[in-house]
Amino acid sequence: MTDKSFQAFDSHEEADKANVDYYNSLTTQERLNIFLEMMAPYYETFPRLERIYRAVDLGECPVSCDRWMGL
């Protein structure tokens, strides 16, 4: 779990720079862990993607292929 601390800044620019500095200081794995932690609430209900498919018999083509070929 990530550290959820609070910081106050005097301007938006300072806050943006602090965000950039913080995320640049993290390893790729740490950034991935944060991302997965943020996405967990959306995917906890569905632990995996389910395969859903169905075969539908369309039957014969109502237009003969011979007509398209000019025969």
C-alpha atoms as a PDB file:
ATOM      1  CA  MET A   1       0.000   0.000   0.000  1.00  0.00           C
ATOM      2  CA  THR A   2       1.279   3.432  -0.845  1.00  0.00           C
ATOM      3  CA  ASP A   3       1.987   6.101   1.731  1.00  0.00           C
ATOM      4  CA  LYS A   4      -0.962   8.489   1.785  1.00  0.00           C
ATOM      5  CA  SER A   5       0.465  11.686   3.194  1.00  0.00           C
ATOM      6  CA  PHE A   6      -0.663  15.282   2.885  1.00  0.00           C
ATOM      7  CA  GLN A   7       1.409  18.204   1.588  1.00  0.00           C
ATOM      8  CA  ALA A   8       0.490  21.865   1.162  1.00  0.00           C
ATOM      9  CA  PHE A   9       1.945  24.111  -1.537  1.00  0.00           C
ATOM     10  CA  ASP A  10       1.894  27.851  -2.157  1.00  0.00           C
ATOM     11  CA  SER A  11       1.127  27.503  -5.877  1.00  0.00           C
ATOM     12  CA  HIS A  12      -0.092  25.035  -8.467  1.00  0.00           C
ATOM     13  CA  GLU A  13       3.333  25.123 -10.110  1.00  0.00           C
ATOM     14  CA  GLU A  14       5.020  23.945  -6.895  1.00  0.00           C
ATOM     15  CA  ALA A  15       2.467  21.153  -6.512  1.00  0.00           C
ATOM     16  CA  ASP A  16       2.948  20.053 -10.132  1.00  0.00           C
ATOM     17  CA  LYS A  17       6.742  20.036  -9.742  1.00  0.00           C
ATOM     18  CA  ALA A  18       6.447  18.001  -6.524  1.00  0.00           C
ATOM     19  CA  ASN A  19       4.247  15.452  -8.335  1.00  0.00           C
ATOM     20  CA  VAL A  20       6.707  15.137 -11.207  1.00  0.00           C
ATOM     21  CA  ASP A  21       9.655  14.809  -8.804  1.00  0.00           C
ATOM     22  CA  TYR A  22       7.819  12.170  -6.755  1.00  0.00           C
ATOM     23  CA  TYR A  23       6.851   9.979  -9.719  1.00  0.00           C
ATOM     24  CA  ASN A  24      10.324  10.339 -11.255  1.00  0.00           C
ATOM     25  CA  SER A  25      11.818   9.057  -8.007  1.00  0.00           C
ATOM     26  CA  LEU A  26       9.762   5.840  -8.138  1.00  0.00           C
ATOM     27  CA  THR A  27      10.864   2.638  -9.810  1.00  0.00           C
ATOM     28  CA  THR A  28       8.802   1.193 -12.625  1.00  0.00           C
ATOM     29  CA  GLN A  29       7.518  -1.532 -10.308  1.00  0.00           C
ATOM     30  CA  GLU A  30       6.418   1.039  -7.707  1.00  0.00           C
ATOM     31  CA  ARG A  31       4.523   3.002 -10.374  1.00  0.00           C
ATOM     32  CA  LEU A  32       2.875  -0.192 -11.590  1.00  0.00           C
ATOM     33  CA  ASN A  33       1.862  -1.086  -8.033  1.00  0.00           C
ATOM     34  CA  ILE A  34       0.240   2.336  -7.583  1.00  0.00           C
ATOM     35  CA  PHE A  35      -1.629   1.915 -10.857  1.00  0.00           C
ATOM     36  CA  LEU A  36      -2.874  -1.550  -9.908  1.00  0.00           C
ATOM     37  CA  GLU A  37      -3.938  -0.284  -6.490  1.00  0.00           C
ATOM     38  CA  MET A  38      -5.958   2.517  -8.109  1.00  0.00           C
ATOM     39  CA  MET A  39      -7.607   0.116 -10.577  1.00  0.00           C
ATOM     40  CA  ALA A  40      -8.415  -2.616  -8.016  1.00  0.00           C
ATOM     41  CA  PRO A  41     -11.861  -1.263  -7.011  1.00  0.00           C
ATOM     42  CA  TYR A  42     -12.997  -1.423 -10.635  1.00  0.00           C
ATOM     43  CA  TYR A  43     -11.850  -4.993 -11.224  1.00  0.00           C
ATOM     44  CA  GLU A  44     -12.498  -6.679  -7.867  1.00  0.00           C
ATOM     45  CA  THR A  45     -16.061  -7.582  -8.816  1.00  0.00           C
ATOM     46  CA  PHE A  46     -14.872  -9.351 -11.939  1.00  0.00           C
ATOM     47  CA  PRO A  47     -11.697 -11.217 -10.997  1.00  0.00           C
ATOM     48  CA  ARG A  48     -11.015 -12.226 -14.581  1.00  0.00           C
ATOM     49  CA  LEU A  49     -12.383 -11.616 -18.022  1.00  0.00           C
ATOM     50  CA  GLU A  50     -14.857 -14.271 -19.042  1.00  0.00           C
ATOM     51  CA  ARG A  51     -14.995 -15.822 -22.476  1.00  0.00           C
ATOM     52  CA  ILE A  52     -18.351 -15.090 -23.984  1.00  0.00           C
ATOM     53  CA  TYR A  53     -19.197 -16.330 -27.424  1.00  0.00           C
ATOM     54  CA  ARG A  54     -22.003 -17.943 -29.336  1.00  0.00           C
ATOM     55  CA  ALA A  55     -22.249 -19.571 -32.734  1.00  0.00           C
ATOM     56  CA  VAL A  56     -25.133 -18.395 -34.869  1.00  0.00           C
ATOM     57  CA  ASP A  57     -26.202 -20.307 -37.942  1.00  0.00           C
ATOM     58  CA  LEU A  58     -26.932 -17.698 -40.591  1.00  0.00           C
ATOM     59  CA  GLY A  59     -28.312 -20.227 -43.061  1.00  0.00           C
ATOM     60  CA  GLU A  60     -28.185 -19.863 -46.813  1.00  0.00           C
ATOM     61  CA  CYS A  61     -27.337 -16.578 -48.470  1.00  0.00           C
ATOM     62  CA  PRO A  62     -30.621 -15.157 -49.896  1.00  0.00           C
ATOM     63  CA  VAL A  63     -28.789 -13.847 -52.960  1.00  0.00           C
ATOM     64  CA  SER A  64     -27.193 -16.405 -55.247  1.00  0.00           C
ATOM     65  CA  CYS A  65     -23.470 -15.974 -55.798  1.00  0.00           C
ATOM     66  CA  ASP A  66     -24.058 -16.688 -59.492  1.00  0.00           C
ATOM     67  CA  ARG A  67     -25.899 -13.391 -59.925  1.00  0.00           C
ATOM     68  CA  TRP A  68     -22.915 -11.410 -58.629  1.00  0.00           C
ATOM     69  CA  MET A  69     -20.566 -13.198 -61.006  1.00  0.00           C
ATOM     70  CA  GLY A  70     -22.751 -12.402 -64.022  1.00  0.00           C
ATOM     71  CA  LEU A  71     -23.435 -16.055 -64.833  1.00  0.00           C
END
